[in-house]
C-alpha cells in the first residue's frame, strides 16, 4: 500500500513537472513572437517620428531662409534705414526644433534598443530552461528561438574584426 502511494505520488510529480516545464517553454516562445512584433512596431514608429520631425525642421529652415532676406530688405529701404536696426529686433532662427529632433532621436533609439534587449533576455531565459536540469528532461520542443539583432554595418564590422579604432575626436 505504501509502495503504491509512493509510486503514484512520483508519477503525479513527474506529470506536473512535465506540464509545468513545457508550459513555461511555450510561454517563452509566445513571448518571443510577440516581442519580435513589438521590435518591428518600435522600429517603424521610430523612423516615422524622426522622418516627420526632420521634415518639419527642414521645412522651417527652408522657409526661414526664403523669407528672412525679404523681411530685412523691406525694412531697411528708404530714409534713415541705416539706423532702424538699432530700434528693431530682427527675426531670429529658432533652434528649439533641432533640440527637439535630437531628443526624439535619442528617445526613439533607446526605445528600440530596449525592445531588442528584451528579446535577447527572452532568448537567454529560454535557452537556460532548455539546458538546465531537470527541465531539459521534460521539454518536448527543444528548438532554439531564432532572432538576428538589427544593427548597423559599422557595428557588424567592429564585431567581425574585434577592433573599434574610430573615434569621434
N, C-alpha and C. Protein backbone atom coordinates (compact mmCIF):
# COMPACT_ATOMS: atom_id res chain seq x y z
N UNK A 1 0.82 -1.19 0.00
CA UNK A 1 0.00 0.00 0.00
C UNK A 1 0.88 1.27 0.00
N UNK A 2 1.88 1.32 0.87
CA UNK A 2 2.77 2.47 0.93
C UNK A 2 3.56 2.59 -0.37
N UNK A 3 4.00 1.48 -0.93
CA UNK A 3 4.73 1.48 -2.19
C UNK A 3 3.86 2.05 -3.30
N UNK A 4 2.60 1.70 -3.33
CA UNK A 4 1.67 2.21 -4.34
C UNK A 4 1.51 3.72 -4.20
N UNK A 5 1.39 4.22 -2.99
CA UNK A 5 1.23 5.66 -2.75
C UNK A 5 2.49 6.40 -3.20
N UNK A 6 3.66 5.86 -2.90
CA UNK A 6 4.92 6.49 -3.30
C UNK A 6 5.04 6.52 -4.82
N UNK A 7 4.69 5.41 -5.47
CA UNK A 7 4.77 5.35 -6.94
C UNK A 7 3.78 6.32 -7.56
N UNK A 8 2.55 6.33 -7.08
CA UNK A 8 1.53 7.25 -7.62
C UNK A 8 1.96 8.69 -7.39
N UNK A 9 2.50 9.00 -6.21
CA UNK A 9 2.96 10.37 -5.92
C UNK A 9 4.10 10.76 -6.87
N UNK A 10 5.03 9.85 -7.10
CA UNK A 10 6.14 10.14 -8.01
C UNK A 10 5.63 10.38 -9.42
N UNK A 11 4.68 9.59 -9.87
CA UNK A 11 4.11 9.76 -11.21
C UNK A 11 3.40 11.11 -11.31
N UNK A 12 2.65 11.47 -10.28
CA UNK A 12 1.94 12.75 -10.27
C UNK A 12 2.95 13.91 -10.31
N UNK A 13 4.01 13.82 -9.54
CA UNK A 13 5.04 14.86 -9.53
C UNK A 13 5.70 14.97 -10.91
N UNK A 14 6.00 13.85 -11.52
CA UNK A 14 6.62 13.84 -12.86
C UNK A 14 5.67 14.46 -13.89
N UNK A 15 4.40 14.14 -13.82
CA UNK A 15 3.42 14.71 -14.76
C UNK A 15 3.32 16.22 -14.55
N UNK A 16 3.28 16.65 -13.29
CA UNK A 16 3.21 18.08 -13.00
C UNK A 16 4.46 18.80 -13.51
N UNK A 17 5.63 18.22 -13.29
CA UNK A 17 6.87 18.83 -13.78
C UNK A 17 6.87 18.89 -15.31
N UNK A 18 6.42 17.84 -15.96
CA UNK A 18 6.35 17.80 -17.42
C UNK A 18 5.48 18.94 -17.93
N UNK A 19 4.29 19.07 -17.36
CA UNK A 19 3.37 20.12 -17.80
C UNK A 19 3.92 21.51 -17.48
N UNK A 20 4.48 21.66 -16.30
CA UNK A 20 4.99 22.96 -15.89
C UNK A 20 6.13 23.44 -16.80
N UNK A 21 7.11 22.59 -17.03
CA UNK A 21 8.25 22.98 -17.86
C UNK A 21 7.83 23.22 -19.31
N UNK A 22 6.96 22.40 -19.84
CA UNK A 22 6.51 22.61 -21.21
C UNK A 22 5.66 23.86 -21.34
N UNK A 23 4.84 24.14 -20.34
CA UNK A 23 4.06 25.37 -20.37
C UNK A 23 4.97 26.60 -20.31
N UNK A 24 6.02 26.53 -19.52
CA UNK A 24 6.97 27.65 -19.45
C UNK A 24 7.68 27.84 -20.78
N UNK A 25 8.06 26.74 -21.42
CA UNK A 25 8.72 26.82 -22.73
C UNK A 25 7.79 27.44 -23.76
N UNK A 26 6.54 27.03 -23.77
CA UNK A 26 5.57 27.59 -24.72
C UNK A 26 5.35 29.07 -24.43
N UNK A 27 5.27 29.44 -23.16
CA UNK A 27 5.08 30.85 -22.80
C UNK A 27 6.24 31.71 -23.29
N UNK A 28 7.46 31.21 -23.14
CA UNK A 28 8.63 31.97 -23.60
C UNK A 28 8.65 32.09 -25.12
N UNK A 29 8.28 31.03 -25.81
CA UNK A 29 8.23 31.06 -27.27
C UNK A 29 7.19 32.07 -27.76
N UNK A 30 6.04 32.09 -27.12
CA UNK A 30 4.98 33.05 -27.49
C UNK A 30 5.40 34.48 -27.16
N UNK A 31 6.09 34.65 -26.04
CA UNK A 31 6.58 35.98 -25.68
C UNK A 31 7.60 36.47 -26.70
N UNK A 32 8.44 35.57 -27.18
CA UNK A 32 9.44 35.93 -28.19
C UNK A 32 8.75 36.35 -29.49
N UNK A 33 7.71 35.63 -29.89
CA UNK A 33 6.97 36.01 -31.10
C UNK A 33 6.36 37.40 -30.95
N UNK A 34 5.76 37.65 -29.79
CA UNK A 34 5.16 38.96 -29.54
C UNK A 34 6.23 40.05 -29.50
N UNK A 35 7.37 39.74 -28.91
CA UNK A 35 8.45 40.73 -28.81
C UNK A 35 8.99 41.07 -30.19
N UNK A 36 9.07 40.10 -31.07
CA UNK A 36 9.54 40.39 -32.43
C UNK A 36 8.59 41.35 -33.13
N UNK A 37 7.30 41.17 -32.91
CA UNK A 37 6.32 42.13 -33.45
C UNK A 37 6.48 43.50 -32.83
N UNK A 38 6.78 43.54 -31.54
CA UNK A 38 6.99 44.82 -30.86
C UNK A 38 8.22 45.52 -31.43
N UNK A 39 9.29 44.76 -31.68
CA UNK A 39 10.51 45.35 -32.25
C UNK A 39 10.20 45.98 -33.60
N UNK A 40 9.43 45.30 -34.41
CA UNK A 40 9.05 45.83 -35.72
C UNK A 40 8.26 47.12 -35.56
N UNK A 41 7.31 47.12 -34.64
CA UNK A 41 6.48 48.31 -34.40
C UNK A 41 7.31 49.47 -33.88
N UNK A 42 8.19 49.19 -32.92
CA UNK A 42 9.03 50.25 -32.35
C UNK A 42 9.94 50.84 -33.43
N UNK A 43 10.52 49.98 -34.26
CA UNK A 43 11.40 50.46 -35.32
C UNK A 43 10.63 51.31 -36.33
N UNK A 44 9.46 50.85 -36.73
CA UNK A 44 8.63 51.59 -37.68
C UNK A 44 8.23 52.94 -37.10
N UNK A 45 7.79 52.94 -35.85
CA UNK A 45 7.39 54.18 -35.18
C UNK A 45 8.57 55.14 -35.07
N UNK A 46 9.73 54.59 -34.70
CA UNK A 46 10.93 55.41 -34.57
C UNK A 46 11.20 56.17 -35.86
N UNK A 47 11.23 55.46 -36.98
CA UNK A 47 11.59 56.11 -38.24
C UNK A 47 10.51 57.07 -38.73
N UNK A 48 9.26 56.77 -38.45
CA UNK A 48 8.20 57.70 -38.86
C UNK A 48 8.28 58.99 -38.06
N UNK A 49 8.50 58.89 -36.76
CA UNK A 49 8.61 60.09 -35.92
C UNK A 49 9.81 60.92 -36.35
N UNK A 50 10.96 60.26 -36.52
CA UNK A 50 12.17 61.00 -36.87
C UNK A 50 12.06 61.62 -38.26
N UNK A 51 11.48 60.90 -39.20
CA UNK A 51 11.32 61.44 -40.55
C UNK A 51 10.40 62.66 -40.53
N UNK A 52 9.30 62.54 -39.81
CA UNK A 52 8.36 63.67 -39.75
C UNK A 52 8.97 64.88 -39.05
N UNK A 53 9.65 64.66 -37.94
CA UNK A 53 10.26 65.78 -37.23
C UNK A 53 11.38 66.41 -38.04
N UNK A 54 12.17 65.58 -38.70
CA UNK A 54 13.25 66.12 -39.54
C UNK A 54 12.65 66.91 -40.70
N UNK A 55 11.54 66.44 -41.25
CA UNK A 55 10.88 67.15 -42.35
C UNK A 55 10.37 68.51 -41.91
N UNK A 56 9.78 68.57 -40.73
CA UNK A 56 9.30 69.85 -40.20
C UNK A 56 10.47 70.79 -39.98
N UNK A 57 11.55 70.26 -39.41
CA UNK A 57 12.73 71.08 -39.15
C UNK A 57 13.33 71.62 -40.44
N UNK A 58 13.46 70.76 -41.44
CA UNK A 58 13.99 71.21 -42.73
C UNK A 58 13.07 72.22 -43.40
N UNK A 59 11.77 71.99 -43.31
CA UNK A 59 10.81 72.92 -43.92
C UNK A 59 10.89 74.28 -43.23
N UNK A 60 11.02 74.27 -41.90
CA UNK A 60 11.17 75.53 -41.16
C UNK A 60 12.42 76.27 -41.61
N UNK A 61 13.55 75.56 -41.72
CA UNK A 61 14.81 76.17 -42.13
C UNK A 61 14.68 76.77 -43.53
N UNK A 62 14.10 76.00 -44.47
CA UNK A 62 13.96 76.48 -45.85
C UNK A 62 13.06 77.72 -45.92
N UNK A 63 11.96 77.70 -45.16
CA UNK A 63 11.05 78.84 -45.14
C UNK A 63 11.74 80.06 -44.55
N UNK A 64 12.47 79.87 -43.47
CA UNK A 64 13.19 80.97 -42.84
C UNK A 64 14.22 81.55 -43.79
N UNK A 65 14.98 80.68 -44.47
CA UNK A 65 16.00 81.15 -45.42
C UNK A 65 15.37 81.94 -46.57
N UNK A 66 14.16 81.57 -46.95
CA UNK A 66 13.49 82.25 -48.05
C UNK A 66 12.94 83.61 -47.63
N UNK A 67 12.32 83.71 -46.46
CA UNK A 67 11.65 84.96 -46.09
C UNK A 67 12.56 85.95 -45.37
N UNK A 68 13.62 85.48 -44.73
CA UNK A 68 14.47 86.38 -43.95
C UNK A 68 15.08 87.50 -44.81
N UNK A 69 15.70 87.20 -45.94
CA UNK A 69 16.25 88.30 -46.74
C UNK A 69 15.19 89.30 -47.19
N UNK A 70 13.98 88.83 -47.50
CA UNK A 70 12.91 89.74 -47.92
C UNK A 70 12.46 90.63 -46.76
N UNK A 71 12.38 90.05 -45.56
CA UNK A 71 12.00 90.85 -44.39
C UNK A 71 13.02 91.95 -44.11
N UNK A 72 14.26 91.59 -44.14
CA UNK A 72 15.32 92.54 -43.85
C UNK A 72 15.41 93.60 -44.94
N UNK A 73 15.32 93.19 -46.21
CA UNK A 73 15.40 94.15 -47.32
C UNK A 73 14.24 95.13 -47.28
N UNK A 74 13.06 94.67 -46.96
CA UNK A 74 11.90 95.54 -46.90
C UNK A 74 11.96 96.52 -45.75
N UNK A 75 12.57 96.17 -44.69
CA UNK A 75 12.65 97.03 -43.51
C UNK A 75 13.60 98.19 -43.70
N UNK A 76 14.66 97.97 -44.42
CA UNK A 76 15.74 98.95 -44.43
C UNK A 76 15.89 99.69 -45.75
N UNK A 77 14.81 99.88 -46.43
CA UNK A 77 14.90 100.72 -47.62
C UNK A 77 14.23 102.06 -47.29
N UNK A 78 14.75 103.12 -47.80
CA UNK A 78 14.17 104.44 -47.54
C UNK A 78 15.02 105.26 -46.60
N UNK A 79 14.38 106.36 -46.05
CA UNK A 79 15.09 107.29 -45.18
C UNK A 79 15.45 106.66 -43.83
N UNK A 80 16.61 107.02 -43.35
CA UNK A 80 17.13 106.57 -42.05
C UNK A 80 17.16 105.05 -41.91
N UNK A 81 17.26 104.35 -43.01
CA UNK A 81 17.26 102.88 -42.97
C UNK A 81 18.46 102.33 -42.23
N UNK A 82 19.56 103.03 -42.29
CA UNK A 82 20.77 102.50 -41.65
C UNK A 82 20.67 102.51 -40.12
N UNK A 83 19.79 103.32 -39.55
CA UNK A 83 19.69 103.40 -38.09
C UNK A 83 18.50 102.61 -37.54
N UNK A 84 17.63 102.10 -38.38
CA UNK A 84 16.46 101.36 -37.91
C UNK A 84 16.84 100.09 -37.18
N UNK A 85 17.94 99.49 -37.53
CA UNK A 85 18.35 98.22 -36.91
C UNK A 85 18.61 98.37 -35.42
N UNK A 86 18.88 99.59 -34.98
CA UNK A 86 19.12 99.83 -33.55
C UNK A 86 17.81 99.70 -32.78
N UNK A 87 16.71 100.13 -33.36
CA UNK A 87 15.43 100.15 -32.68
C UNK A 87 14.66 98.84 -32.82
N UNK A 88 14.89 98.06 -33.85
CA UNK A 88 14.07 96.89 -34.12
C UNK A 88 14.78 95.60 -33.75
N UNK A 89 13.97 94.61 -33.46
CA UNK A 89 14.50 93.27 -33.24
C UNK A 89 14.30 92.48 -34.52
N UNK A 90 15.38 91.95 -35.03
CA UNK A 90 15.28 91.14 -36.25
C UNK A 90 14.76 89.74 -35.91
N UNK A 91 14.07 89.12 -36.85
CA UNK A 91 13.61 87.75 -36.60
C UNK A 91 14.82 86.84 -36.39
N UNK A 92 14.69 85.94 -35.43
CA UNK A 92 15.77 85.01 -35.13
C UNK A 92 15.37 83.60 -35.51
N UNK A 93 16.36 82.87 -35.94
CA UNK A 93 16.15 81.46 -36.29
C UNK A 93 16.03 80.67 -35.00
N UNK A 94 14.91 79.98 -34.83
CA UNK A 94 14.63 79.22 -33.61
C UNK A 94 15.24 77.82 -33.72
N UNK A 95 16.21 77.53 -32.86
CA UNK A 95 16.88 76.22 -32.90
C UNK A 95 16.20 75.18 -32.02
N UNK A 96 15.11 75.53 -31.37
CA UNK A 96 14.45 74.57 -30.48
C UNK A 96 13.92 73.36 -31.24
N UNK A 97 13.57 73.53 -32.51
CA UNK A 97 13.12 72.38 -33.31
C UNK A 97 14.24 71.36 -33.46
N UNK A 98 15.46 71.82 -33.60
CA UNK A 98 16.60 70.91 -33.73
C UNK A 98 16.88 70.20 -32.40
N UNK A 99 16.74 70.93 -31.30
CA UNK A 99 16.90 70.31 -29.98
C UNK A 99 15.85 69.23 -29.78
N UNK A 100 14.62 69.53 -30.15
CA UNK A 100 13.53 68.56 -30.04
C UNK A 100 13.81 67.34 -30.91
N UNK A 101 14.31 67.57 -32.11
CA UNK A 101 14.66 66.46 -33.01
C UNK A 101 15.74 65.58 -32.40
N UNK A 102 16.78 66.19 -31.84
CA UNK A 102 17.86 65.43 -31.22
C UNK A 102 17.35 64.61 -30.03
N UNK A 103 16.47 65.21 -29.22
CA UNK A 103 15.89 64.47 -28.09
C UNK A 103 15.06 63.29 -28.59
N UNK A 104 14.31 63.51 -29.65
CA UNK A 104 13.48 62.44 -30.21
C UNK A 104 14.35 61.31 -30.74
N UNK A 105 15.45 61.66 -31.38
CA UNK A 105 16.36 60.62 -31.89
C UNK A 105 16.85 59.77 -30.73
N UNK A 106 17.28 60.41 -29.67
CA UNK A 106 17.80 59.66 -28.52
C UNK A 106 16.71 58.79 -27.89
N UNK A 107 15.54 59.35 -27.67
CA UNK A 107 14.44 58.61 -27.03
C UNK A 107 14.01 57.42 -27.89
N UNK A 108 13.83 57.66 -29.19
CA UNK A 108 13.35 56.60 -30.07
C UNK A 108 14.38 55.48 -30.23
N UNK A 109 15.63 55.84 -30.36
CA UNK A 109 16.67 54.81 -30.49
C UNK A 109 16.82 54.01 -29.19
N UNK A 110 16.66 54.67 -28.06
CA UNK A 110 16.71 53.98 -26.77
C UNK A 110 15.55 53.00 -26.64
N UNK A 111 14.37 53.41 -27.05
CA UNK A 111 13.21 52.50 -27.01
C UNK A 111 13.45 51.29 -27.90
N UNK A 112 14.03 51.51 -29.07
CA UNK A 112 14.33 50.41 -29.98
C UNK A 112 15.37 49.47 -29.37
N UNK A 113 16.40 50.04 -28.76
CA UNK A 113 17.43 49.21 -28.11
C UNK A 113 16.83 48.39 -26.97
N UNK A 114 15.95 49.00 -26.19
CA UNK A 114 15.32 48.26 -25.09
C UNK A 114 14.46 47.11 -25.61
N UNK A 115 13.76 47.32 -26.70
CA UNK A 115 12.93 46.26 -27.28
C UNK A 115 13.80 45.08 -27.72
N UNK A 116 14.94 45.38 -28.33
CA UNK A 116 15.85 44.30 -28.75
C UNK A 116 16.49 43.62 -27.53
N UNK A 117 16.85 44.40 -26.52
CA UNK A 117 17.44 43.82 -25.32
C UNK A 117 16.45 42.89 -24.62
N UNK A 118 15.17 43.25 -24.63
CA UNK A 118 14.16 42.37 -24.03
C UNK A 118 14.09 41.05 -24.80
N UNK A 119 14.19 41.11 -26.12
CA UNK A 119 14.17 39.89 -26.92
C UNK A 119 15.36 39.00 -26.55
N UNK A 120 16.51 39.59 -26.39
CA UNK A 120 17.69 38.81 -26.01
C UNK A 120 17.53 38.19 -24.62
N UNK A 121 16.86 38.89 -23.71
CA UNK A 121 16.58 38.34 -22.39
C UNK A 121 15.64 37.13 -22.48
N UNK A 122 14.65 37.23 -23.35
CA UNK A 122 13.72 36.10 -23.55
C UNK A 122 14.48 34.89 -24.09
N UNK A 123 15.35 35.13 -25.06
CA UNK A 123 16.13 34.04 -25.65
C UNK A 123 17.06 33.41 -24.60
N UNK A 124 17.68 34.24 -23.79
CA UNK A 124 18.54 33.72 -22.72
C UNK A 124 17.75 32.86 -21.74
N UNK A 125 16.59 33.35 -21.34
CA UNK A 125 15.75 32.61 -20.41
C UNK A 125 15.29 31.28 -21.02
N UNK A 126 14.94 31.30 -22.29
CA UNK A 126 14.51 30.09 -22.98
C UNK A 126 15.65 29.09 -23.08
N UNK A 127 16.82 29.55 -23.45
CA UNK A 127 17.99 28.67 -23.56
C UNK A 127 18.36 28.06 -22.22
N UNK A 128 18.27 28.86 -21.18
CA UNK A 128 18.56 28.36 -19.84
C UNK A 128 17.57 27.26 -19.46
N UNK A 129 16.32 27.46 -19.79
CA UNK A 129 15.30 26.45 -19.50
C UNK A 129 15.60 25.15 -20.24
N UNK A 130 16.00 25.27 -21.51
CA UNK A 130 16.29 24.07 -22.32
C UNK A 130 17.53 23.32 -21.85
N UNK A 131 18.46 24.01 -21.23
CA UNK A 131 19.75 23.41 -20.92
C UNK A 131 19.94 23.03 -19.45
N UNK A 132 19.03 23.42 -18.57
CA UNK A 132 19.22 23.10 -17.15
C UNK A 132 18.38 21.90 -16.75
N UNK A 133 18.89 21.18 -15.76
CA UNK A 133 18.17 20.02 -15.25
C UNK A 133 17.31 20.46 -14.08
N UNK A 134 16.19 19.89 -13.89
CA UNK A 134 15.58 18.77 -14.59
C UNK A 134 14.72 19.17 -15.78
N UNK A 135 14.63 20.51 -16.06
CA UNK A 135 13.76 20.97 -17.13
C UNK A 135 14.10 20.32 -18.46
N UNK A 136 15.38 20.17 -18.77
CA UNK A 136 15.78 19.62 -20.08
C UNK A 136 15.30 18.19 -20.28
N UNK A 137 14.98 17.47 -19.22
CA UNK A 137 14.49 16.09 -19.35
C UNK A 137 13.03 16.05 -19.78
N UNK A 138 12.29 17.14 -19.54
CA UNK A 138 10.84 17.11 -19.73
C UNK A 138 10.34 17.89 -20.94
N UNK A 139 11.13 18.80 -21.45
CA UNK A 139 10.66 19.69 -22.53
C UNK A 139 10.65 18.96 -23.86
N UNK A 140 9.51 19.04 -24.55
CA UNK A 140 9.35 18.39 -25.85
C UNK A 140 10.04 19.17 -26.96
N UNK A 141 9.75 20.47 -27.06
CA UNK A 141 10.26 21.30 -28.15
C UNK A 141 11.60 21.89 -27.75
N UNK A 142 12.65 21.35 -28.29
CA UNK A 142 14.00 21.81 -27.93
C UNK A 142 14.58 22.77 -28.97
N UNK A 143 13.75 23.23 -29.90
CA UNK A 143 14.22 24.19 -30.90
C UNK A 143 14.51 25.53 -30.25
N UNK A 144 15.63 26.11 -30.62
CA UNK A 144 16.01 27.42 -30.09
C UNK A 144 15.17 28.51 -30.76
N UNK A 145 14.99 29.60 -30.06
CA UNK A 145 14.32 30.77 -30.63
C UNK A 145 15.33 31.49 -31.50
N UNK A 146 14.96 31.73 -32.75
CA UNK A 146 15.87 32.38 -33.70
C UNK A 146 15.55 33.88 -33.77
N UNK A 147 16.59 34.68 -33.66
CA UNK A 147 16.45 36.13 -33.82
C UNK A 147 17.81 36.70 -34.18
N UNK A 148 17.84 37.56 -35.17
CA UNK A 148 19.07 38.25 -35.56
C UNK A 148 18.91 39.71 -35.14
N UNK A 149 19.84 40.17 -34.33
CA UNK A 149 19.80 41.55 -33.85
C UNK A 149 19.93 42.51 -35.02
N UNK A 150 19.09 43.54 -35.03
CA UNK A 150 19.16 44.57 -36.05
C UNK A 150 20.27 45.53 -35.66
N UNK A 151 21.21 45.72 -36.57
CA UNK A 151 22.38 46.53 -36.25
C UNK A 151 22.89 47.23 -37.51
N UNK A 152 23.88 48.08 -37.33
CA UNK A 152 24.45 48.81 -38.47
C UNK A 152 25.63 48.03 -39.06
N UNK A 153 25.99 48.36 -40.29
CA UNK A 153 27.16 47.76 -40.93
C UNK A 153 28.42 48.06 -40.12
N UNK A 154 28.51 49.28 -39.60
CA UNK A 154 29.69 49.65 -38.82
C UNK A 154 29.84 48.74 -37.60
N UNK A 155 28.75 48.52 -36.88
CA UNK A 155 28.80 47.66 -35.70
C UNK A 155 29.14 46.22 -36.10
N UNK A 156 28.55 45.74 -37.16
CA UNK A 156 28.85 44.37 -37.62
C UNK A 156 30.31 44.22 -37.99
N UNK A 157 30.89 45.25 -38.62
CA UNK A 157 32.31 45.20 -38.97
C UNK A 157 33.20 45.21 -37.73
N UNK A 158 32.83 45.99 -36.73
CA UNK A 158 33.59 46.03 -35.48
C UNK A 158 33.54 44.66 -34.79
N UNK A 159 32.37 44.06 -34.76
CA UNK A 159 32.21 42.75 -34.13
C UNK A 159 33.03 41.70 -34.88
N UNK A 160 33.00 41.75 -36.20
CA UNK A 160 33.75 40.78 -37.01
C UNK A 160 35.26 40.96 -36.85
N UNK A 161 35.72 42.20 -36.84
CA UNK A 161 37.16 42.46 -36.76
C UNK A 161 37.67 42.47 -35.32
N UNK A 162 36.75 42.66 -34.37
CA UNK A 162 37.10 42.77 -32.95
C UNK A 162 37.94 44.01 -32.67
N UNK A 163 37.83 45.03 -33.55
CA UNK A 163 38.56 46.29 -33.38
C UNK A 163 37.62 47.46 -33.63
N UNK A 164 37.76 48.46 -32.77
CA UNK A 164 36.98 49.68 -32.91
C UNK A 164 37.95 50.85 -32.74
N UNK A 165 38.59 51.23 -33.84
CA UNK A 165 39.61 52.28 -33.80
C UNK A 165 39.07 53.65 -34.15
N UNK A 166 37.85 53.74 -34.61
CA UNK A 166 37.29 55.03 -34.98
C UNK A 166 36.87 55.80 -33.73
N UNK A 167 37.31 57.03 -33.64
CA UNK A 167 36.90 57.89 -32.54
C UNK A 167 36.28 59.14 -33.12
N UNK A 168 35.45 59.78 -32.34
CA UNK A 168 34.79 60.99 -32.82
C UNK A 168 35.71 62.20 -32.75
N UNK A 169 36.65 62.19 -31.85
CA UNK A 169 37.51 63.36 -31.69
C UNK A 169 38.96 62.97 -31.79
